[in-house]
């Protein structure tokens, strides 16, 4: 983002603000398309007008929101994998023997069946 133009930075940060406004307002249950459009237009307008003056702030904001978004994505992905493994009864560490599991049984090798081949 440091090499991008201030107008592009303003556009991306405006889209980031709009995304978080959508997520938070939907989670709280008061989302309406009219308020969302007004918010997007006002944030986009303000950031485009002040793009040259707040270019450094836009860099910092974009870095932190990207880190937060990727962190939340990582946590949710790991949680979804955990839920799927719990539902399918997959024990990755094979700590206990389960009857209703999707793992294939591995036959244990016996010492008398192992031969050296020359």
Protein backbone atom coordinates (compact mmCIF):
# COMPACT_ATOMS: atom_id res chain seq x y z
CA UNK A 1 0.00 0.00 0.00
CA UNK A 2 2.93 2.37 0.44
CA UNK A 3 3.49 2.55 -3.31
CA UNK A 4 -0.19 2.98 -4.19
CA UNK A 5 -1.73 6.31 -5.04
CA UNK A 6 -3.63 8.15 -2.29
CA UNK A 7 -6.89 7.89 -4.26
CA UNK A 8 -6.58 4.11 -4.48
CA UNK A 9 -5.80 3.92 -0.76
CA UNK A 10 -8.90 5.98 -0.06
CA UNK A 11 -10.99 3.67 -2.23
CA UNK A 12 -9.75 0.50 -0.51
CA UNK A 13 -10.16 1.92 2.98
CA UNK A 14 -13.67 3.10 2.06
CA UNK A 15 -14.53 -0.42 0.96
CA UNK A 16 -13.03 -1.77 4.19
CA UNK A 17 -15.11 0.63 6.29
CA UNK A 18 -18.21 -0.35 4.31
CA UNK A 19 -17.48 -4.04 4.85
CA UNK A 20 -17.09 -3.63 8.62
CA UNK A 21 -20.19 -1.41 8.78
CA UNK A 22 -22.15 -4.14 7.00
CA UNK A 23 -20.80 -6.91 9.27
CA UNK A 24 -21.37 -5.03 12.53
CA UNK A 25 -24.80 -3.64 11.63
CA UNK A 26 -25.97 -7.06 10.43
CA UNK A 27 -24.66 -8.74 13.59
CA UNK A 28 -26.44 -6.20 15.78
CA UNK A 29 -29.64 -6.57 13.76
CA UNK A 30 -30.22 -3.02 12.54
CA UNK A 31 -28.98 -3.25 8.95
CA UNK A 32 -30.93 -1.34 6.29
CA UNK A 33 -29.89 -0.76 2.71
CA UNK A 34 -30.71 2.98 2.86
CA UNK A 35 -28.41 3.62 5.79
CA UNK A 36 -25.72 1.46 4.19
CA UNK A 37 -25.84 3.43 0.92
CA UNK A 38 -25.68 6.74 2.79
CA UNK A 39 -22.72 5.46 4.82
CA UNK A 40 -20.85 4.22 1.73
CA UNK A 41 -21.38 7.45 -0.21
CA UNK A 42 -20.39 9.68 2.71
CA UNK A 43 -17.27 7.67 3.64
CA UNK A 44 -16.21 7.40 0.01
CA UNK A 45 -16.70 11.14 -0.52
CA UNK A 46 -14.83 12.18 2.62
CA UNK A 47 -11.91 9.86 1.99
CA UNK A 48 -11.60 10.91 -1.66
CA UNK A 49 -11.62 14.60 -0.69
CA UNK A 50 -9.01 14.12 2.04
CA UNK A 51 -6.97 11.40 0.30
CA UNK A 52 -3.76 13.41 -0.01
CA UNK A 53 -3.82 14.67 3.57
CA UNK A 54 -4.56 11.37 5.29
CA UNK A 55 -2.51 9.05 3.10
CA UNK A 56 -0.28 7.83 5.96
CA UNK A 57 -3.29 7.22 8.20
CA UNK A 58 -4.93 5.20 5.44
CA UNK A 59 -1.79 3.03 5.24
CA UNK A 60 -1.89 2.29 8.95
CA UNK A 61 -5.63 1.64 8.95
CA UNK A 62 -5.44 -0.72 5.96
CA UNK A 63 -2.62 -2.72 7.55
CA UNK A 64 -4.46 -3.20 10.86
CA UNK A 65 -7.82 -4.05 9.30
CA UNK A 66 -6.15 -6.57 7.01
CA UNK A 67 -4.40 -8.23 9.96
CA UNK A 68 -7.65 -8.33 11.93
CA UNK A 69 -9.65 -9.72 8.99
CA UNK A 70 -7.08 -12.41 8.21
CA UNK A 71 -6.85 -13.34 11.89
CA UNK A 72 -10.63 -13.69 12.13
CA UNK A 73 -10.65 -15.74 8.93
CA UNK A 74 -7.95 -18.04 10.30
CA UNK A 75 -9.76 -18.53 13.62
CA UNK A 76 -13.08 -19.24 11.90
CA UNK A 77 -11.47 -21.70 9.48
CA UNK A 78 -9.80 -23.61 12.31
CA UNK A 79 -13.12 -23.62 14.21
CA UNK A 80 -14.97 -25.02 11.20
CA UNK A 81 -12.38 -27.79 10.84
CA UNK A 82 -12.75 -28.58 14.54
CA UNK A 83 -16.53 -28.78 14.24
CA UNK A 84 -16.33 -31.04 11.18
CA UNK A 85 -13.84 -33.35 12.86
CA UNK A 86 -16.03 -33.52 15.97
CA UNK A 87 -19.17 -34.29 13.93
CA UNK A 88 -17.41 -36.92 11.82
CA UNK A 89 -15.67 -38.31 14.92
CA UNK A 90 -12.23 -38.01 13.42
CA UNK A 91 -9.48 -38.23 16.00
CA UNK A 92 -6.39 -36.82 14.33
CA UNK A 93 -4.10 -37.84 17.15
CA UNK A 94 -5.74 -41.27 17.51
CA UNK A 95 -5.71 -40.95 21.27
CA UNK A 96 -8.57 -43.35 21.84
CA UNK A 97 -10.12 -46.27 20.02
CA UNK A 98 -13.53 -45.47 18.54
CA UNK A 99 -16.06 -47.79 16.98
CA UNK A 100 -17.98 -45.25 14.91
CA UNK A 101 -15.16 -43.53 13.07
CA UNK A 102 -14.30 -42.92 9.47
CA UNK A 103 -10.65 -43.85 9.98
CA UNK A 104 -9.52 -47.07 8.37
CA UNK A 105 -8.09 -49.68 10.65
CA UNK A 106 -4.37 -50.15 10.21
CA UNK A 107 -3.12 -53.68 10.66
CA UNK A 108 -0.23 -53.99 13.02
CA UNK A 109 2.85 -55.67 11.61
CA UNK A 110 3.92 -58.79 13.41
CA UNK A 111 7.57 -59.48 14.06
CA UNK A 112 7.44 -63.02 12.61
CA UNK A 113 6.02 -61.76 9.29
CA UNK A 114 8.85 -59.33 8.69
CA UNK A 115 11.58 -60.85 6.55
CA UNK A 116 14.78 -59.41 5.29
CA UNK A 117 14.99 -59.26 1.56
CA UNK A 118 18.36 -59.47 -0.14
